[in-house]
């Protein structure tokens, strides 16, 4: 009896890190699922405003298609929706170098477990880091060091992460629909969407 083995494959991002203005929607890249057994979709969501949305947060809908081409056969599989809480806005005291975990800040302090969005002037260098310790009004400590240089400035907390597992058997195409136009007052966001798959071999 043949032994079936599996391998996990990192795929191209469905949506590279980017901004999306209030009241807009966008579709991710499409992913053809041939030869894939299952997928994990990771969504990183941050508010790009100090004010909270009103009524409804951004909704991320994972969709499958019943056809290899065209837009007539898309069907929602599942969805996640971001919260409404306004971010805490922290101010860093200086430029932060790659590898840095101790971030000196002003009087406004995040809470342990919060995730900060270090929005970079070059959006592709933006990164999200979890807070594991604080000294109120003095500093916060990040779980992992920064990858890129981040300028002195103001940064929002309240980043949300979603991990969604999808069984790909019977699915030929996959995408994510991002709807930032569901509330009575919507706000700009920053987001990215990544995907890995489990492939059958042998």
N, C-alpha and C. Protein backbone atom coordinates (compact mmCIF):
# COMPACT_ATOMS: atom_id res chain seq x y z
N UNK A 1 0.85 -1.19 0.00
CA UNK A 1 0.00 0.00 0.00
C UNK A 1 0.88 1.23 0.00
N UNK A 2 0.62 2.13 -0.94
CA UNK A 2 1.42 3.35 -1.04
C UNK A 2 1.12 4.27 0.14
N UNK A 3 2.16 4.90 0.63
CA UNK A 3 2.01 5.85 1.73
C UNK A 3 1.88 7.24 1.14
N UNK A 4 0.80 7.93 1.47
CA UNK A 4 0.59 9.28 0.96
C UNK A 4 1.26 10.28 1.89
N UNK A 5 2.05 11.14 1.32
CA UNK A 5 2.72 12.17 2.10
C UNK A 5 2.17 13.54 1.73
N UNK A 6 2.46 14.50 2.56
CA UNK A 6 1.94 15.84 2.37
C UNK A 6 3.05 16.86 2.55
N UNK A 7 2.89 18.00 1.87
CA UNK A 7 3.85 19.08 2.05
C UNK A 7 3.10 20.39 2.13
N UNK A 8 3.58 21.29 2.95
CA UNK A 8 2.98 22.61 3.07
C UNK A 8 3.73 23.59 2.18
N UNK A 9 3.00 24.36 1.41
CA UNK A 9 3.59 25.26 0.44
C UNK A 9 3.18 26.69 0.72
N UNK A 10 4.15 27.59 0.76
CA UNK A 10 3.86 29.01 0.90
C UNK A 10 3.54 29.56 -0.48
N UNK A 11 2.40 30.20 -0.61
CA UNK A 11 1.97 30.72 -1.89
C UNK A 11 2.18 32.24 -1.97
N UNK A 12 2.00 32.77 -3.16
CA UNK A 12 2.04 34.21 -3.35
C UNK A 12 0.94 34.87 -2.53
N UNK A 13 1.21 36.03 -1.98
CA UNK A 13 0.19 36.74 -1.20
C UNK A 13 -1.07 36.93 -2.04
N UNK A 14 -2.21 36.73 -1.43
CA UNK A 14 -3.47 37.06 -2.11
C UNK A 14 -3.64 38.57 -2.22
N UNK A 15 -3.14 39.29 -1.22
CA UNK A 15 -3.15 40.76 -1.26
C UNK A 15 -1.95 41.26 -0.48
N UNK A 16 -1.03 41.92 -1.17
CA UNK A 16 0.12 42.49 -0.47
C UNK A 16 -0.36 43.58 0.46
N UNK A 17 0.46 43.93 1.44
CA UNK A 17 0.04 44.93 2.40
C UNK A 17 -0.26 46.25 1.68
N UNK A 18 -1.42 46.83 2.00
CA UNK A 18 -1.90 48.00 1.28
C UNK A 18 -2.91 48.76 2.13
N UNK A 19 -3.21 49.98 1.70
CA UNK A 19 -4.26 50.77 2.33
C UNK A 19 -5.54 50.65 1.51
N UNK A 20 -6.66 50.85 2.16
CA UNK A 20 -7.96 50.90 1.49
C UNK A 20 -8.77 52.01 2.13
N UNK A 21 -9.20 52.97 1.31
CA UNK A 21 -9.93 54.11 1.83
C UNK A 21 -11.31 53.71 2.33
N UNK A 22 -11.88 54.55 3.17
CA UNK A 22 -13.25 54.35 3.62
C UNK A 22 -14.19 54.31 2.43
N UNK A 23 -15.24 53.48 2.55
CA UNK A 23 -16.32 53.38 1.57
C UNK A 23 -15.92 52.65 0.29
N UNK A 24 -14.76 51.98 0.29
CA UNK A 24 -14.33 51.26 -0.90
C UNK A 24 -14.34 49.75 -0.65
N UNK A 25 -14.33 49.00 -1.76
CA UNK A 25 -14.21 47.54 -1.71
C UNK A 25 -13.10 47.13 -2.66
N UNK A 26 -12.55 45.92 -2.44
CA UNK A 26 -11.50 45.42 -3.31
C UNK A 26 -11.52 43.89 -3.27
N UNK A 27 -11.10 43.27 -4.37
CA UNK A 27 -10.98 41.81 -4.43
C UNK A 27 -9.51 41.43 -4.43
N UNK A 28 -9.19 40.36 -3.75
CA UNK A 28 -7.81 39.87 -3.74
C UNK A 28 -7.49 39.22 -5.08
N UNK A 29 -6.24 38.82 -5.24
CA UNK A 29 -5.87 37.98 -6.38
C UNK A 29 -6.62 36.65 -6.28
N UNK A 30 -6.83 36.02 -7.42
CA UNK A 30 -7.47 34.71 -7.44
C UNK A 30 -6.41 33.61 -7.32
N UNK A 31 -6.81 32.51 -6.69
CA UNK A 31 -5.90 31.38 -6.50
C UNK A 31 -6.52 30.14 -7.09
N UNK A 32 -5.81 29.49 -8.03
CA UNK A 32 -6.25 28.23 -8.61
C UNK A 32 -5.81 27.10 -7.70
N UNK A 33 -6.72 26.22 -7.34
CA UNK A 33 -6.47 25.26 -6.27
C UNK A 33 -6.07 23.87 -6.75
N UNK A 34 -5.82 23.69 -8.04
CA UNK A 34 -5.51 22.36 -8.58
C UNK A 34 -4.34 21.72 -7.82
N UNK A 35 -4.52 20.47 -7.38
CA UNK A 35 -3.48 19.74 -6.68
C UNK A 35 -3.35 20.07 -5.20
N UNK A 36 -4.21 20.96 -4.70
CA UNK A 36 -4.15 21.38 -3.31
C UNK A 36 -5.27 20.74 -2.51
N UNK A 37 -4.96 20.32 -1.29
CA UNK A 37 -5.95 19.67 -0.44
C UNK A 37 -6.65 20.63 0.50
N UNK A 38 -5.88 21.57 1.04
CA UNK A 38 -6.45 22.51 2.00
C UNK A 38 -5.62 23.79 1.99
N UNK A 39 -6.18 24.83 2.58
CA UNK A 39 -5.49 26.13 2.61
C UNK A 39 -5.68 26.78 3.97
N UNK A 40 -4.70 27.57 4.35
CA UNK A 40 -4.82 28.48 5.49
C UNK A 40 -4.71 29.89 4.96
N UNK A 41 -5.69 30.71 5.27
CA UNK A 41 -5.69 32.11 4.85
C UNK A 41 -5.49 32.97 6.08
N UNK A 42 -4.46 33.80 6.05
CA UNK A 42 -4.18 34.73 7.14
C UNK A 42 -4.51 36.14 6.73
N UNK A 43 -5.28 36.83 7.55
CA UNK A 43 -5.67 38.22 7.29
C UNK A 43 -5.17 39.09 8.43
N UNK A 44 -4.46 40.14 8.08
CA UNK A 44 -4.01 41.15 9.03
C UNK A 44 -4.81 42.43 8.74
N UNK A 45 -5.44 42.99 9.76
CA UNK A 45 -6.32 44.16 9.58
C UNK A 45 -5.95 45.23 10.60
N UNK A 46 -5.77 46.46 10.12
CA UNK A 46 -5.47 47.58 11.01
C UNK A 46 -6.30 48.80 10.61
N UNK A 47 -6.70 49.56 11.57
CA UNK A 47 -7.40 50.82 11.30
C UNK A 47 -6.37 51.90 10.96
N UNK A 48 -6.60 52.60 9.86
CA UNK A 48 -5.70 53.68 9.44
C UNK A 48 -6.29 55.03 9.80
N UNK A 49 -6.96 55.08 10.95
CA UNK A 49 -7.60 56.29 11.44
C UNK A 49 -7.65 56.20 12.95
N UNK A 50 -7.57 57.35 13.61
CA UNK A 50 -7.68 57.38 15.06
C UNK A 50 -9.12 57.25 15.51
N UNK A 51 -10.06 57.39 14.59
CA UNK A 51 -11.48 57.30 14.92
C UNK A 51 -12.02 55.92 14.57
N UNK A 52 -13.03 55.51 15.30
CA UNK A 52 -13.62 54.20 15.07
C UNK A 52 -14.65 54.25 13.96
N UNK A 53 -14.80 53.15 13.20
CA UNK A 53 -15.94 53.07 12.28
C UNK A 53 -17.23 52.98 13.08
N UNK A 54 -18.34 53.28 12.42
CA UNK A 54 -19.64 53.26 13.09
C UNK A 54 -20.56 52.31 12.32
N UNK A 55 -21.23 51.45 13.05
CA UNK A 55 -22.25 50.60 12.43
C UNK A 55 -21.76 49.21 12.08
N UNK A 56 -20.65 49.11 11.38
CA UNK A 56 -20.11 47.80 10.99
C UNK A 56 -18.65 47.95 10.59
N UNK A 57 -17.84 46.96 10.94
CA UNK A 57 -16.44 46.96 10.57
C UNK A 57 -16.22 46.35 9.20
N UNK A 58 -14.98 46.37 8.76
CA UNK A 58 -14.60 45.79 7.47
C UNK A 58 -14.88 44.30 7.47
N UNK A 59 -15.46 43.80 6.38
CA UNK A 59 -15.80 42.39 6.25
C UNK A 59 -14.93 41.74 5.18
N UNK A 60 -14.34 40.59 5.52
CA UNK A 60 -13.51 39.81 4.61
C UNK A 60 -14.26 38.50 4.30
N UNK A 61 -14.69 38.35 3.06
CA UNK A 61 -15.46 37.17 2.66
C UNK A 61 -14.60 36.27 1.76
N UNK A 62 -14.39 35.03 2.19
CA UNK A 62 -13.68 34.06 1.35
C UNK A 62 -14.69 33.47 0.38
N UNK A 63 -14.37 33.51 -0.90
CA UNK A 63 -15.30 33.07 -1.94
C UNK A 63 -14.66 31.98 -2.79
N UNK A 64 -15.50 31.05 -3.27
CA UNK A 64 -15.05 30.03 -4.22
C UNK A 64 -15.83 30.22 -5.53
N UNK A 65 -15.22 29.77 -6.63
CA UNK A 65 -15.89 29.83 -7.91
C UNK A 65 -16.19 28.41 -8.40
N UNK A 66 -17.31 28.27 -9.08
CA UNK A 66 -17.67 26.99 -9.67
C UNK A 66 -17.17 26.88 -11.11
N UNK A 67 -16.37 27.85 -11.55
CA UNK A 67 -15.82 27.84 -12.91
C UNK A 67 -14.37 28.28 -12.86
N UNK A 68 -13.60 27.88 -13.87
CA UNK A 68 -12.18 28.26 -13.92
C UNK A 68 -11.98 29.68 -14.39
N UNK A 69 -12.97 30.24 -15.08
CA UNK A 69 -12.87 31.62 -15.59
C UNK A 69 -14.20 32.33 -15.38
N UNK A 70 -14.17 33.64 -15.54
CA UNK A 70 -15.39 34.43 -15.46
C UNK A 70 -15.79 34.76 -14.04
N UNK A 71 -16.80 35.62 -13.93
CA UNK A 71 -17.25 36.11 -12.62
C UNK A 71 -18.71 35.78 -12.34
N UNK A 72 -19.24 34.74 -13.01
CA UNK A 72 -20.65 34.41 -12.84
C UNK A 72 -20.91 33.37 -11.76
N UNK A 73 -19.84 32.78 -11.21
CA UNK A 73 -20.05 31.61 -10.34
C UNK A 73 -19.43 31.75 -8.96
N UNK A 74 -19.17 32.97 -8.50
CA UNK A 74 -18.58 33.14 -7.18
C UNK A 74 -19.62 32.91 -6.09
N UNK A 75 -19.18 32.24 -5.03
CA UNK A 75 -20.06 31.87 -3.93
C UNK A 75 -19.31 32.07 -2.61
N UNK A 76 -19.92 32.72 -1.61
CA UNK A 76 -19.24 32.86 -0.32
C UNK A 76 -19.10 31.53 0.40
N UNK A 77 -17.93 31.34 1.02
CA UNK A 77 -17.70 30.15 1.85
C UNK A 77 -17.86 30.50 3.32
N UNK A 78 -17.13 31.52 3.73
CA UNK A 78 -17.16 31.96 5.12
C UNK A 78 -16.66 33.40 5.16
N UNK A 79 -16.76 34.03 6.31
CA UNK A 79 -16.34 35.42 6.40
C UNK A 79 -15.92 35.75 7.84
N UNK A 80 -15.13 36.82 7.96
CA UNK A 80 -14.79 37.39 9.26
C UNK A 80 -14.99 38.89 9.16
N UNK A 81 -15.24 39.52 10.29
CA UNK A 81 -15.51 40.96 10.29
C UNK A 81 -14.73 41.64 11.42
N UNK A 82 -14.09 42.75 11.08
CA UNK A 82 -13.27 43.48 12.04
C UNK A 82 -14.14 44.22 13.04
N UNK A 83 -13.57 44.47 14.20
CA UNK A 83 -14.28 45.17 15.27
C UNK A 83 -14.37 46.67 15.06
N UNK A 84 -15.08 47.32 15.99
CA UNK A 84 -15.35 48.76 15.87
C UNK A 84 -14.53 49.63 16.82
N UNK A 85 -13.82 49.01 17.76
CA UNK A 85 -13.12 49.79 18.78
C UNK A 85 -12.08 50.73 18.16
N UNK A 86 -12.09 51.97 18.58
CA UNK A 86 -11.09 52.94 18.11
C UNK A 86 -9.71 52.54 18.61
N UNK A 87 -8.68 52.72 17.79
CA UNK A 87 -7.34 52.35 18.24
C UNK A 87 -6.80 53.32 19.28
N UNK A 88 -5.89 52.82 20.10
CA UNK A 88 -5.07 53.70 20.91
C UNK A 88 -3.94 54.20 20.03
N UNK A 89 -3.66 55.49 20.08
CA UNK A 89 -2.62 56.07 19.24
C UNK A 89 -1.40 56.37 20.10
N UNK A 90 -0.31 55.65 19.85
CA UNK A 90 0.91 55.87 20.62
C UNK A 90 1.88 56.74 19.81
N UNK A 91 2.75 57.41 20.53
CA UNK A 91 3.78 58.24 19.90
C UNK A 91 5.15 57.73 20.32
N UNK A 92 5.97 57.37 19.35
CA UNK A 92 7.32 56.90 19.68
C UNK A 92 8.25 58.09 19.88
N UNK A 93 9.27 57.90 20.72
CA UNK A 93 10.17 59.00 21.07
C UNK A 93 11.30 59.19 20.09
N UNK A 94 11.56 58.19 19.24
CA UNK A 94 12.70 58.27 18.33
C UNK A 94 12.51 57.26 17.20
N UNK A 95 13.36 57.35 16.19
CA UNK A 95 13.36 56.35 15.13
C UNK A 95 13.74 55.00 15.72
N UNK A 96 13.06 53.95 15.25
CA UNK A 96 13.31 52.60 15.76
C UNK A 96 14.04 51.77 14.71
N UNK A 97 15.14 51.16 15.11
CA UNK A 97 16.00 50.42 14.18
C UNK A 97 15.51 48.98 14.03
N UNK A 98 15.88 48.30 12.93
CA UNK A 98 15.56 46.88 12.78
C UNK A 98 16.08 46.08 13.97
N UNK A 99 15.29 45.12 14.42
CA UNK A 99 15.67 44.31 15.57
C UNK A 99 15.20 44.87 16.90
N UNK A 100 14.77 46.12 16.92
CA UNK A 100 14.38 46.77 18.17
C UNK A 100 13.12 46.14 18.74
N UNK A 101 13.12 45.89 20.05
CA UNK A 101 11.93 45.39 20.74
C UNK A 101 11.44 46.35 21.83
N UNK A 102 12.33 47.16 22.39
CA UNK A 102 11.94 48.13 23.41
C UNK A 102 11.63 49.46 22.72
N UNK A 103 10.37 49.87 22.78
CA UNK A 103 9.91 51.06 22.08
C UNK A 103 9.57 52.13 23.11
N UNK A 104 10.33 53.21 23.13
CA UNK A 104 10.04 54.31 24.06
C UNK A 104 8.90 55.15 23.50
N UNK A 105 7.94 55.46 24.40
CA UNK A 105 6.72 56.12 23.95
C UNK A 105 6.35 57.28 24.86
N UNK A 106 5.35 58.04 24.43
CA UNK A 106 4.81 59.13 25.24
C UNK A 106 3.82 58.61 26.27
N UNK A 107 2.96 59.51 26.73
CA UNK A 107 2.08 59.17 27.84
C UNK A 107 1.03 58.13 27.47
N UNK A 108 0.58 58.09 26.22
CA UNK A 108 -0.42 57.11 25.82
C UNK A 108 0.23 55.74 25.69
N UNK A 109 -0.33 54.75 26.36
CA UNK A 109 0.32 53.44 26.47
C UNK A 109 -0.61 52.34 25.97
N UNK A 110 -0.11 51.42 25.14
CA UNK A 110 -0.93 50.27 24.74
C UNK A 110 -1.06 49.31 25.92
N UNK A 111 -1.86 48.27 25.73
CA UNK A 111 -2.01 47.25 26.76
C UNK A 111 -1.27 45.99 26.30
N UNK A 112 -0.90 45.16 27.27
CA UNK A 112 -0.25 43.89 26.94
C UNK A 112 -1.19 43.04 26.08
N UNK A 113 -0.66 42.49 25.01
CA UNK A 113 -1.45 41.69 24.10
C UNK A 113 -1.97 42.47 22.91
N UNK A 114 -1.90 43.80 22.99
CA UNK A 114 -2.32 44.62 21.86
C UNK A 114 -1.30 44.49 20.74
N UNK A 115 -1.73 44.76 19.50
CA UNK A 115 -0.84 44.69 18.34
C UNK A 115 -0.77 46.06 17.70
N UNK A 116 0.44 46.55 17.52
CA UNK A 116 0.67 47.87 16.95
C UNK A 116 0.91 47.76 15.46
N UNK A 117 0.31 48.67 14.71
CA UNK A 117 0.59 48.78 13.28
C UNK A 117 1.64 49.87 13.08
N UNK A 118 2.84 49.46 12.72
CA UNK A 118 3.90 50.42 12.41
C UNK A 118 3.78 50.78 10.93
N UNK A 119 2.91 51.75 10.63
CA UNK A 119 2.70 52.16 9.25
C UNK A 119 3.91 52.93 8.75
N UNK A 120 4.54 52.42 7.71
CA UNK A 120 5.75 53.01 7.16
C UNK A 120 5.39 53.92 5.99
N UNK A 121 6.22 54.95 5.76
CA UNK A 121 6.01 55.82 4.61
C UNK A 121 6.04 55.05 3.30
N UNK A 122 6.78 53.96 3.27
CA UNK A 122 6.72 52.99 2.18
C UNK A 122 5.83 51.86 2.66
N UNK A 123 4.60 51.79 2.15
CA UNK A 123 3.59 50.92 2.76
C UNK A 123 4.03 49.47 2.85
N UNK A 124 4.86 49.03 1.90
CA UNK A 124 5.33 47.64 1.92
C UNK A 124 6.25 47.32 3.08
N UNK A 125 6.75 48.34 3.77
CA UNK A 125 7.62 48.14 4.93
C UNK A 125 6.86 48.25 6.25
N UNK A 126 5.55 48.39 6.14
CA UNK A 126 4.69 48.40 7.34
C UNK A 126 4.74 47.02 8.00
N UNK A 127 4.65 47.00 9.32
CA UNK A 127 4.65 45.72 10.03
C UNK A 127 3.80 45.80 11.29
N UNK A 128 3.38 44.62 11.76
CA UNK A 128 2.51 44.51 12.92
C UNK A 128 3.25 43.77 14.02
N UNK A 129 3.24 44.33 15.24
CA UNK A 129 3.98 43.72 16.34
C UNK A 129 3.17 43.73 17.62
N UNK A 130 3.19 42.56 18.30
CA UNK A 130 2.44 42.39 19.54
C UNK A 130 3.22 42.92 20.73
N UNK A 131 2.51 43.55 21.67
CA UNK A 131 3.09 44.08 22.89
C UNK A 131 3.04 43.01 23.98
N UNK A 132 4.20 42.76 24.63
CA UNK A 132 4.23 41.74 25.69
C UNK A 132 4.51 42.33 27.07
N UNK A 133 4.91 43.61 27.14
CA UNK A 133 5.15 44.26 28.43
C UNK A 133 5.05 45.77 28.22
N UNK A 134 4.68 46.47 29.29
CA UNK A 134 4.60 47.93 29.23
C UNK A 134 5.19 48.56 30.48
N UNK A 135 5.68 49.76 30.31
CA UNK A 135 5.98 50.66 31.42
C UNK A 135 5.18 51.91 31.12
N UNK A 136 4.08 52.10 31.84
CA UNK A 136 3.08 53.10 31.48
C UNK A 136 3.70 54.49 31.27
N UNK A 137 3.44 55.07 30.12
CA UNK A 137 3.92 56.40 29.80
C UNK A 137 5.40 56.47 29.51
N UNK A 138 6.07 55.30 29.44
CA UNK A 138 7.53 55.26 29.23
C UNK A 138 7.90 54.42 28.01
N UNK A 139 7.46 53.16 28.00
CA UNK A 139 7.88 52.27 26.92
C UNK A 139 6.94 51.07 26.82
N UNK A 140 7.07 50.36 25.71
CA UNK A 140 6.43 49.06 25.56
C UNK A 140 7.44 48.11 24.93
N UNK A 141 7.28 46.83 25.22
CA UNK A 141 8.19 45.81 24.69
C UNK A 141 7.44 44.94 23.70
N UNK A 142 8.05 44.73 22.54
CA UNK A 142 7.43 43.93 21.49
C UNK A 142 7.86 42.47 21.61
N UNK A 143 6.99 41.55 21.23
CA UNK A 143 7.31 40.13 21.28
C UNK A 143 8.43 39.79 20.31
N UNK A 144 8.41 40.41 19.12
CA UNK A 144 9.43 40.17 18.09
C UNK A 144 10.01 41.51 17.64
N UNK A 145 11.30 41.49 17.31
CA UNK A 145 11.96 42.70 16.87
C UNK A 145 11.43 43.20 15.53
N UNK A 146 11.58 44.48 15.31
CA UNK A 146 11.18 45.08 14.04
C UNK A 146 12.06 44.55 12.91
N UNK A 147 11.48 44.42 11.74
CA UNK A 147 12.23 44.01 10.56
C UNK A 147 12.81 45.21 9.83
N UNK A 148 12.08 46.32 9.84
CA UNK A 148 12.47 47.52 9.09
C UNK A 148 12.65 48.70 10.03
N UNK A 149 13.35 49.71 9.56
CA UNK A 149 13.46 50.97 10.31
C UNK A 149 12.10 51.64 10.31
N UNK A 150 11.64 52.05 11.48
CA UNK A 150 10.36 52.75 11.60
C UNK A 150 10.58 54.14 12.18
N UNK A 151 10.06 55.14 11.50
CA UNK A 151 10.32 56.53 11.86
C UNK A 151 9.67 56.89 13.19
N UNK A 152 10.22 57.93 13.82
CA UNK A 152 9.54 58.51 14.98
C UNK A 152 8.18 59.03 14.52
N UNK A 153 7.14 58.73 15.28
CA UNK A 153 5.82 59.19 14.85
C UNK A 153 4.71 58.57 15.67
N UNK A 154 3.49 58.65 15.15
CA UNK A 154 2.32 58.10 15.82
C UNK A 154 1.89 56.82 15.12
N UNK A 155 1.46 55.84 15.92
CA UNK A 155 1.08 54.53 15.39
C UNK A 155 -0.16 54.02 16.11
N UNK A 156 -1.01 53.34 15.36
CA UNK A 156 -2.27 52.83 15.91
C UNK A 156 -2.14 51.41 16.44
N UNK A 157 -2.88 51.14 17.50
CA UNK A 157 -3.03 49.77 18.00
C UNK A 157 -4.31 49.16 17.42
N UNK A 158 -4.80 48.11 18.05
CA UNK A 158 -6.04 47.43 17.67
C UNK A 158 -5.92 46.65 16.36
N UNK A 159 -4.71 46.22 15.98
CA UNK A 159 -4.57 45.33 14.83
C UNK A 159 -5.28 44.01 15.15
N UNK A 160 -5.99 43.46 14.16
CA UNK A 160 -6.66 42.18 14.32
C UNK A 160 -6.08 41.17 13.34
N UNK A 161 -5.99 39.91 13.78
CA UNK A 161 -5.50 38.83 12.93
C UNK A 161 -6.55 37.73 12.84
N UNK A 162 -6.74 37.21 11.65
CA UNK A 162 -7.71 36.13 11.43
C UNK A 162 -7.01 34.99 10.68
N UNK A 163 -7.20 33.76 11.16
CA UNK A 163 -6.63 32.58 10.51
C UNK A 163 -7.79 31.66 10.14
N UNK A 164 -7.95 31.39 8.84
CA UNK A 164 -9.11 30.66 8.34
C UNK A 164 -8.63 29.43 7.59
N UNK A 165 -9.13 28.26 7.98
CA UNK A 165 -8.78 27.00 7.33
C UNK A 165 -9.88 26.64 6.31
N UNK A 166 -9.46 26.28 5.10
CA UNK A 166 -10.40 25.96 4.03
C UNK A 166 -10.07 24.58 3.46
N UNK A 167 -11.07 23.69 3.39
CA UNK A 167 -10.94 22.42 2.70
C UNK A 167 -11.12 22.70 1.21
N UNK A 168 -10.10 22.41 0.40
CA UNK A 168 -10.12 22.77 -1.01
C UNK A 168 -10.69 21.70 -1.92
N UNK A 169 -11.04 20.55 -1.38
CA UNK A 169 -11.62 19.51 -2.23
C UNK A 169 -12.95 20.00 -2.79
N UNK A 170 -13.09 19.96 -4.13
CA UNK A 170 -14.29 20.45 -4.78
C UNK A 170 -14.27 21.94 -5.07
N UNK A 171 -13.15 22.61 -4.80
CA UNK A 171 -13.02 24.05 -5.07
C UNK A 171 -11.95 24.25 -6.14
N UNK A 172 -12.25 25.02 -7.17
CA UNK A 172 -11.29 25.22 -8.25
C UNK A 172 -10.62 26.60 -8.23
N UNK A 173 -11.32 27.60 -7.67
CA UNK A 173 -10.76 28.95 -7.57
C UNK A 173 -11.16 29.57 -6.25
N UNK A 174 -10.29 30.43 -5.74
CA UNK A 174 -10.49 31.02 -4.43
C UNK A 174 -10.08 32.49 -4.48
N UNK A 175 -10.80 33.34 -3.74
CA UNK A 175 -10.40 34.74 -3.59
C UNK A 175 -11.00 35.27 -2.29
N UNK A 176 -10.59 36.50 -1.91
CA UNK A 176 -11.15 37.17 -0.74
C UNK A 176 -11.71 38.52 -1.19
N UNK A 177 -12.95 38.78 -0.82
CA UNK A 177 -13.60 40.06 -1.11
C UNK A 177 -13.55 40.91 0.15
N UNK A 178 -12.95 42.11 0.04
CA UNK A 178 -12.78 43.01 1.17
C UNK A 178 -13.78 44.15 1.03
N UNK A 179 -14.71 44.25 1.99
CA UNK A 179 -15.76 45.26 1.92
C UNK A 179 -15.57 46.25 3.07
N UNK A 180 -15.14 47.47 2.71
CA UNK A 180 -14.93 48.52 3.70
C UNK A 180 -16.01 49.60 3.55
N UNK A 181 -17.23 49.15 3.22
CA UNK A 181 -18.32 50.08 2.95
C UNK A 181 -19.63 49.61 3.58
N UNK A 182 -19.53 48.99 4.74
CA UNK A 182 -20.73 48.42 5.36
C UNK A 182 -21.30 49.25 6.49
N UNK A 183 -20.50 50.15 7.07
CA UNK A 183 -20.95 50.92 8.21
C UNK A 183 -21.67 52.20 7.81
N UNK A 184 -22.22 52.88 8.79
CA UNK A 184 -22.79 54.21 8.53
C UNK A 184 -21.69 55.26 8.44
N UNK A 185 -20.57 54.99 9.12
CA UNK A 185 -19.35 55.79 8.96
C UNK A 185 -18.19 54.83 8.86
N UNK A 186 -17.52 54.81 7.73
CA UNK A 186 -16.40 53.90 7.51
C UNK A 186 -15.08 54.65 7.61
N UNK A 187 -14.01 53.92 7.90
CA UNK A 187 -12.67 54.52 8.05
C UNK A 187 -11.67 53.79 7.17
N UNK A 188 -10.59 54.48 6.83
CA UNK A 188 -9.52 53.85 6.06
C UNK A 188 -8.88 52.72 6.86
N UNK A 189 -8.37 51.73 6.14
CA UNK A 189 -7.74 50.58 6.79
C UNK A 189 -6.41 50.25 6.11
N UNK A 190 -5.63 49.40 6.78
CA UNK A 190 -4.44 48.77 6.21
C UNK A 190 -4.65 47.27 6.37
N UNK A 191 -4.36 46.50 5.31
CA UNK A 191 -4.57 45.06 5.42
C UNK A 191 -3.61 44.31 4.51
N UNK A 192 -3.45 43.04 4.80
CA UNK A 192 -2.77 42.11 3.90
C UNK A 192 -3.37 40.73 4.08
N UNK A 193 -3.28 39.90 3.03
CA UNK A 193 -3.86 38.56 3.05
C UNK A 193 -2.84 37.58 2.50
N UNK A 194 -2.50 36.56 3.30
CA UNK A 194 -1.53 35.54 2.89
C UNK A 194 -2.21 34.18 2.84
N UNK A 195 -1.58 33.26 2.10
CA UNK A 195 -2.16 31.93 1.94
C UNK A 195 -1.07 30.87 1.89
N UNK A 196 -1.28 29.77 2.61
CA UNK A 196 -0.44 28.58 2.45
C UNK A 196 -1.36 27.41 2.14
N UNK A 197 -0.81 26.37 1.52
CA UNK A 197 -1.61 25.20 1.17
C UNK A 197 -0.95 23.92 1.64
N UNK A 198 -1.76 22.89 1.77
CA UNK A 198 -1.28 21.53 1.99
C UNK A 198 -1.50 20.76 0.70
N UNK A 199 -0.41 20.19 0.17
CA UNK A 199 -0.46 19.49 -1.11
C UNK A 199 -0.26 17.99 -0.90
N UNK A 200 -0.97 17.19 -1.63
CA UNK A 200 -0.81 15.75 -1.56
C UNK A 200 0.27 15.28 -2.53
N UNK A 201 1.14 14.38 -2.08
CA UNK A 201 2.21 13.83 -2.93
C UNK A 201 2.20 12.31 -2.80
N UNK A 202 2.29 11.60 -3.93
CA UNK A 202 2.36 10.16 -3.88
C UNK A 202 1.01 9.49 -3.74
